[in-house]
PDB file of N, CA and C in Angstrom:
ATOM      1  N   MET A   1      20.082  30.156 -62.110  1.00  0.00           N
ATOM      2  CA  MET A   1      20.493  29.087 -61.244  1.00  0.00           C
ATOM      3  C   MET A   1      20.750  29.654 -59.853  1.00  0.00           C
ATOM      4  N   ASP A   2      20.338  28.919 -58.852  1.00  0.00           N
ATOM      5  CA  ASP A   2      20.608  29.325 -57.480  1.00  0.00           C
ATOM      6  C   ASP A   2      20.918  28.099 -56.632  1.00  0.00           C
ATOM      7  N   MET A   3      21.378  28.326 -55.415  1.00  0.00           N
ATOM      8  CA  MET A   3      21.796  27.224 -54.552  1.00  0.00           C
ATOM      9  C   MET A   3      20.617  26.336 -54.161  1.00  0.00           C
ATOM     10  N   ARG A   4      19.428  26.910 -54.021  1.00  0.00           N
ATOM     11  CA  ARG A   4      18.249  26.104 -53.699  1.00  0.00           C
ATOM     12  C   ARG A   4      17.986  25.099 -54.813  1.00  0.00           C
ATOM     13  N   SER A   5      18.116  25.528 -56.048  1.00  0.00           N
ATOM     14  CA  SER A   5      17.892  24.638 -57.181  1.00  0.00           C
ATOM     15  C   SER A   5      18.886  23.487 -57.184  1.00  0.00           C
ATOM     16  N   PHE A   6      20.132  23.772 -56.856  1.00  0.00           N
ATOM     17  CA  PHE A   6      21.148  22.728 -56.861  1.00  0.00           C
ATOM     18  C   PHE A   6      20.981  21.739 -55.711  1.00  0.00           C
ATOM     19  N   HIS A   7      20.653  22.250 -54.519  1.00  0.00           N
ATOM     20  CA  HIS A   7      20.672  21.402 -53.333  1.00  0.00           C
ATOM     21  C   HIS A   7      19.310  20.853 -52.935  1.00  0.00           C
ATOM     22  N   LEU A   8      18.244  21.576 -53.195  1.00  0.00           N
ATOM     23  CA  LEU A   8      16.930  21.144 -52.756  1.00  0.00           C
ATOM     24  C   LEU A   8      16.115  20.552 -53.888  1.00  0.00           C
ATOM     25  N   ASN A   9      16.096  21.207 -55.019  1.00  0.00           N
ATOM     26  CA  ASN A   9      15.253  20.783 -56.132  1.00  0.00           C
ATOM     27  C   ASN A   9      15.970  19.875 -57.124  1.00  0.00           C
ATOM     28  N   PHE A  10      17.276  19.692 -56.961  1.00  0.00           N
ATOM     29  CA  PHE A  10      18.062  18.836 -57.843  1.00  0.00           C
ATOM     30  C   PHE A  10      17.886  19.233 -59.303  1.00  0.00           C
ATOM     31  N   GLU A  11      17.923  20.514 -59.577  1.00  0.00           N
ATOM     32  CA  GLU A  11      17.733  21.009 -60.938  1.00  0.00           C
ATOM     33  C   GLU A  11      19.060  21.145 -61.668  1.00  0.00           C
ATOM     34  N   VAL A  12      18.970  20.982 -62.971  1.00  0.00           N
ATOM     35  CA  VAL A  12      20.118  21.202 -63.840  1.00  0.00           C
ATOM     36  C   VAL A  12      19.593  21.939 -65.066  1.00  0.00           C
ATOM     37  N   ASN A  13      20.312  22.927 -65.497  1.00  0.00           N
ATOM     38  CA  ASN A  13      19.947  23.666 -66.700  1.00  0.00           C
ATOM     39  C   ASN A  13      20.962  23.388 -67.795  1.00  0.00           C
ATOM     40  N   VAL A  14      20.457  23.240 -69.000  1.00  0.00           N
ATOM     41  CA  VAL A  14      21.319  23.024 -70.156  1.00  0.00           C
ATOM     42  C   VAL A  14      20.891  24.015 -71.231  1.00  0.00           C
ATOM     43  N   PHE A  15      21.842  24.674 -71.824  1.00  0.00           N
ATOM     44  CA  PHE A  15      21.555  25.611 -72.896  1.00  0.00           C
ATOM     45  C   PHE A  15      22.151  25.075 -74.190  1.00  0.00           C
ATOM     46  N   LEU A  16      21.276  24.838 -75.171  1.00  0.00           N
ATOM     47  CA  LEU A  16      21.713  24.347 -76.470  1.00  0.00           C
ATOM     48  C   LEU A  16      21.283  25.364 -77.518  1.00  0.00           C
ATOM     49  N   MET A  17      22.206  25.736 -78.376  1.00  0.00           N
ATOM     50  CA  MET A  17      21.870  26.701 -79.413  1.00  0.00           C
ATOM     51  C   MET A  17      22.412  26.208 -80.747  1.00  0.00           C
ATOM     52  N   GLY A  18      21.558  26.293 -81.764  1.00  0.00           N
ATOM     53  CA  GLY A  18      21.977  25.949 -83.112  1.00  0.00           C
ATOM     54  C   GLY A  18      22.477  24.522 -83.247  1.00  0.00           C
ATOM     55  N   SER A  19      21.743  23.602 -82.665  1.00  0.00           N
ATOM     56  CA  SER A  19      22.200  22.219 -82.642  1.00  0.00           C
ATOM     57  C   SER A  19      21.113  21.291 -83.181  1.00  0.00           C
ATOM     58  N   ARG A  20      21.532  20.191 -83.751  1.00  0.00           N
ATOM     59  CA  ARG A  20      20.591  19.165 -84.209  1.00  0.00           C
ATOM     60  C   ARG A  20      19.826  18.594 -83.015  1.00  0.00           C
ATOM     61  N   THR A  21      20.442  18.633 -81.851  1.00  0.00           N
ATOM     62  CA  THR A  21      19.793  18.135 -80.638  1.00  0.00           C
ATOM     63  C   THR A  21      18.507  18.892 -80.352  1.00  0.00           C
ATOM     64  N   ILE A  22      18.505  20.180 -80.593  1.00  0.00           N
ATOM     65  CA  ILE A  22      17.313  20.988 -80.367  1.00  0.00           C
ATOM     66  C   ILE A  22      16.186  20.509 -81.270  1.00  0.00           C
ATOM     67  N   GLU A  23      16.478  20.289 -82.525  1.00  0.00           N
ATOM     68  CA  GLU A  23      15.466  19.818 -83.462  1.00  0.00           C
ATOM     69  C   GLU A  23      14.922  18.462 -83.027  1.00  0.00           C
ATOM     70  N   ASP A  24      15.800  17.571 -82.565  1.00  0.00           N
ATOM     71  CA  ASP A  24      15.366  16.260 -82.089  1.00  0.00           C
ATOM     72  C   ASP A  24      14.462  16.385 -80.867  1.00  0.00           C
ATOM     73  N   LEU A  25      14.819  17.273 -79.945  1.00  0.00           N
ATOM     74  CA  LEU A  25      14.002  17.470 -78.753  1.00  0.00           C
ATOM     75  C   LEU A  25      12.616  18.006 -79.108  1.00  0.00           C
ATOM     76  N   ILE A  26      12.554  18.911 -80.060  1.00  0.00           N
ATOM     77  CA  ILE A  26      11.264  19.458 -80.497  1.00  0.00           C
ATOM     78  C   ILE A  26      10.408  18.369 -81.111  1.00  0.00           C
ATOM     79  N   ILE A  27      10.999  17.543 -81.949  1.00  0.00           N
ATOM     80  CA  ILE A  27      10.265  16.439 -82.574  1.00  0.00           C
ATOM     81  C   ILE A  27       9.730  15.483 -81.517  1.00  0.00           C
ATOM     82  N   HIS A  28      10.580  15.099 -80.563  1.00  0.00           N
ATOM     83  CA  HIS A  28      10.145  14.174 -79.506  1.00  0.00           C
ATOM     84  C   HIS A  28       9.066  14.801 -78.627  1.00  0.00           C
ATOM     85  N   TYR A  29       9.178  16.090 -78.355  1.00  0.00           N
ATOM     86  CA  TYR A  29       8.164  16.780 -77.562  1.00  0.00           C
ATOM     87  C   TYR A  29       6.818  16.739 -78.274  1.00  0.00           C
ATOM     88  N   LYS A  30       6.811  17.020 -79.568  1.00  0.00           N
ATOM     89  CA  LYS A  30       5.565  17.004 -80.334  1.00  0.00           C
ATOM     90  C   LYS A  30       4.981  15.596 -80.386  1.00  0.00           C
ATOM     91  N   GLU A  31       5.839  14.573 -80.510  1.00  0.00           N
ATOM     92  CA  GLU A  31       5.364  13.186 -80.492  1.00  0.00           C
ATOM     93  C   GLU A  31       4.740  12.851 -79.137  1.00  0.00           C
ATOM     94  N   ASP A  32       5.368  13.299 -78.066  1.00  0.00           N
ATOM     95  CA  ASP A  32       4.820  13.060 -76.726  1.00  0.00           C
ATOM     96  C   ASP A  32       3.459  13.730 -76.562  1.00  0.00           C
ATOM     97  N   MET A  33       3.318  14.941 -77.092  1.00  0.00           N
ATOM     98  CA  MET A  33       2.043  15.647 -76.995  1.00  0.00           C
ATOM     99  C   MET A  33       0.950  14.916 -77.777  1.00  0.00           C
ATOM    100  N   MET A  34       1.294  14.355 -78.932  1.00  0.00           N
ATOM    101  CA  MET A  34       0.318  13.612 -79.734  1.00  0.00           C
ATOM    102  C   MET A  34      -0.105  12.326 -79.029  1.00  0.00           C
ATOM    103  N   ASP A  35       0.787  11.759 -78.232  1.00  0.00           N
ATOM    104  CA  ASP A  35       0.526  10.495 -77.548  1.00  0.00           C
ATOM    105  C   ASP A  35      -0.074  10.708 -76.151  1.00  0.00           C
ATOM    106  N   SER A  36      -0.351  11.957 -75.802  1.00  0.00           N
ATOM    107  CA  SER A  36      -0.842  12.286 -74.468  1.00  0.00           C
ATOM    108  C   SER A  36      -2.346  12.475 -74.475  1.00  0.00           C
ATOM    109  N   ASP A  37      -2.938  12.314 -73.306  1.00  0.00           N
ATOM    110  CA  ASP A  37      -4.362  12.582 -73.112  1.00  0.00           C
ATOM    111  C   ASP A  37      -4.501  13.783 -72.185  1.00  0.00           C
ATOM    112  N   LYS A  38      -5.424  14.668 -72.528  1.00  0.00           N
ATOM    113  CA  LYS A  38      -5.661  15.828 -71.671  1.00  0.00           C
ATOM    114  C   LYS A  38      -6.393  15.362 -70.418  1.00  0.00           C
ATOM    115  N   LEU A  39      -5.915  15.819 -69.293  1.00  0.00           N
ATOM    116  CA  LEU A  39      -6.493  15.421 -68.018  1.00  0.00           C
ATOM    117  C   LEU A  39      -7.255  16.598 -67.431  1.00  0.00           C
ATOM    118  N   ASP A  40      -8.537  16.386 -67.179  1.00  0.00           N
ATOM    119  CA  ASP A  40      -9.348  17.430 -66.573  1.00  0.00           C
ATOM    120  C   ASP A  40      -9.555  17.119 -65.085  1.00  0.00           C
ATOM    121  N   PRO A  41     -10.060  18.060 -64.319  1.00  0.00           N
ATOM    122  CA  PRO A  41     -10.227  17.828 -62.881  1.00  0.00           C
ATOM    123  C   PRO A  41     -11.099  16.615 -62.551  1.00  0.00           C
ATOM    124  N   ILE A  42     -12.131  16.375 -63.339  1.00  0.00           N
ATOM    125  CA  ILE A  42     -13.002  15.231 -63.065  1.00  0.00           C
ATOM    126  C   ILE A  42     -12.248  13.924 -63.294  1.00  0.00           C
ATOM    127  N   GLY A  43     -11.521  13.838 -64.391  1.00  0.00           N
ATOM    128  CA  GLY A  43     -10.727  12.642 -64.667  1.00  0.00           C
ATOM    129  C   GLY A  43      -9.648  12.417 -63.626  1.00  0.00           C
ATOM    130  N   TYR A  44      -9.054  13.508 -63.164  1.00  0.00           N
ATOM    131  CA  TYR A  44      -8.011  13.394 -62.138  1.00  0.00           C
ATOM    132  C   TYR A  44      -8.600  12.859 -60.833  1.00  0.00           C
ATOM    133  N   ASN A  45      -9.742  13.369 -60.455  1.00  0.00           N
ATOM    134  CA  ASN A  45     -10.376  12.934 -59.214  1.00  0.00           C
ATOM    135  C   ASN A  45     -10.945  11.520 -59.296  1.00  0.00           C
ATOM    136  N   ASP A  46     -11.193  11.026 -60.492  1.00  0.00           N
ATOM    137  CA  ASP A  46     -11.753   9.687 -60.681  1.00  0.00           C
ATOM    138  C   ASP A  46     -10.700   8.601 -60.825  1.00  0.00           C
ATOM    139  N   ARG A  47      -9.418   8.935 -60.577  1.00  0.00           N
ATOM    140  CA  ARG A  47      -8.363   7.918 -60.650  1.00  0.00           C
ATOM    141  C   ARG A  47      -8.657   6.810 -59.653  1.00  0.00           C
ATOM    142  N   GLY A  48      -8.324   5.590 -60.034  1.00  0.00           N
ATOM    143  CA  GLY A  48      -8.571   4.453 -59.160  1.00  0.00           C
ATOM    144  C   GLY A  48      -7.539   4.339 -58.043  1.00  0.00           C
ATOM    145  N   LEU A  49      -7.812   3.425 -57.127  1.00  0.00           N
ATOM    146  CA  LEU A  49      -6.928   3.212 -55.988  1.00  0.00           C
ATOM    147  C   LEU A  49      -5.542   2.758 -56.438  1.00  0.00           C
ATOM    148  N   LEU A  50      -5.461   1.893 -57.426  1.00  0.00           N
ATOM    149  CA  LEU A  50      -4.167   1.414 -57.911  1.00  0.00           C
ATOM    150  C   LEU A  50      -3.334   2.567 -58.461  1.00  0.00           C
ATOM    151  N   GLU A  51      -3.936   3.416 -59.260  1.00  0.00           N
ATOM    152  CA  GLU A  51      -3.219   4.557 -59.842  1.00  0.00           C
ATOM    153  C   GLU A  51      -2.722   5.508 -58.749  1.00  0.00           C
ATOM    154  N   ARG A  52      -3.572   5.818 -57.789  1.00  0.00           N
ATOM    155  CA  ARG A  52      -3.176   6.710 -56.694  1.00  0.00           C
ATOM    156  C   ARG A  52      -2.075   6.076 -55.850  1.00  0.00           C
ATOM    157  N   SER A  53      -2.149   4.765 -55.656  1.00  0.00           N
ATOM    158  CA  SER A  53      -1.118   4.067 -54.879  1.00  0.00           C
ATOM    159  C   SER A  53       0.227   4.113 -55.580  1.00  0.00           C
ATOM    160  N   LYS A  54       0.234   3.913 -56.905  1.00  0.00           N
ATOM    161  CA  LYS A  54       1.483   3.996 -57.669  1.00  0.00           C
ATOM    162  C   LYS A  54       2.065   5.405 -57.595  1.00  0.00           C
ATOM    163  N   GLU A  55       1.207   6.419 -57.664  1.00  0.00           N
ATOM    164  CA  GLU A  55       1.681   7.802 -57.559  1.00  0.00           C
ATOM    165  C   GLU A  55       2.294   8.063 -56.188  1.00  0.00           C
ATOM    166  N   SER A  56       1.653   7.576 -55.143  1.00  0.00           N
ATOM    167  CA  SER A  56       2.169   7.781 -53.784  1.00  0.00           C
ATOM    168  C   SER A  56       3.506   7.076 -53.601  1.00  0.00           C
ATOM    169  N   PHE A  57       3.623   5.873 -54.137  1.00  0.00           N
ATOM    170  CA  PHE A  57       4.877   5.129 -54.041  1.00  0.00           C
ATOM    171  C   PHE A  57       5.991   5.860 -54.782  1.00  0.00           C
ATOM    172  N   ALA A  58       5.695   6.348 -55.985  1.00  0.00           N
ATOM    173  CA  ALA A  58       6.696   7.064 -56.777  1.00  0.00           C
ATOM    174  C   ALA A  58       7.110   8.360 -56.086  1.00  0.00           C
ATOM    175  N   ARG A  59       6.185   8.986 -55.358  1.00  0.00           N
ATOM    176  CA  ARG A  59       6.484  10.238 -54.671  1.00  0.00           C
ATOM    177  C   ARG A  59       7.585  10.044 -53.611  1.00  0.00           C
ATOM    178  N   LEU A  60       7.683   8.822 -53.060  1.00  0.00           N
ATOM    179  CA  LEU A  60       8.729   8.532 -52.085  1.00  0.00           C
ATOM    180  C   LEU A  60      10.127   8.718 -52.679  1.00  0.00           C
ATOM    181  N   PHE A  61      10.246   8.485 -53.983  1.00  0.00           N
ATOM    182  CA  PHE A  61      11.534   8.574 -54.655  1.00  0.00           C
ATOM    183  C   PHE A  61      11.684   9.826 -55.506  1.00  0.00           C
ATOM    184  N   SER A  62      10.791  10.785 -55.344  1.00  0.00           N
ATOM    185  CA  SER A  62      10.786  11.972 -56.208  1.00  0.00           C
ATOM    186  C   SER A  62      12.083  12.781 -56.119  1.00  0.00           C
ATOM    187  N   ASN A  63      12.727  12.743 -54.965  1.00  0.00           N
ATOM    188  CA  ASN A  63      13.945  13.537 -54.853  1.00  0.00           C
ATOM    189  C   ASN A  63      15.133  12.948 -55.610  1.00  0.00           C
ATOM    190  N   VAL A  64      15.041  11.702 -56.029  1.00  0.00           N
ATOM    191  CA  VAL A  64      16.143  11.090 -56.782  1.00  0.00           C
ATOM    192  C   VAL A  64      15.762  10.755 -58.219  1.00  0.00           C
ATOM    193  N   LEU A  65      14.521  10.993 -58.603  1.00  0.00           N
ATOM    194  CA  LEU A  65      14.090  10.688 -59.971  1.00  0.00           C
ATOM    195  C   LEU A  65      14.448  11.808 -60.911  1.00  0.00           C
TER     196      LEU A  65
END
């Protein structure tokens, strides 16, 4: 942890050991991976105007998300 992380990047670190929460997080992570699509450079570049516009709009709020 450093001051840049706290003030600029809005980062928070949490350390969990030997907890049921860890098992739940692993399960949810694996579920998210199963529900995800791999994005390649061609697919990324072929995004439509609506998708790019939503990304640009969301980027305005990235520091508070």
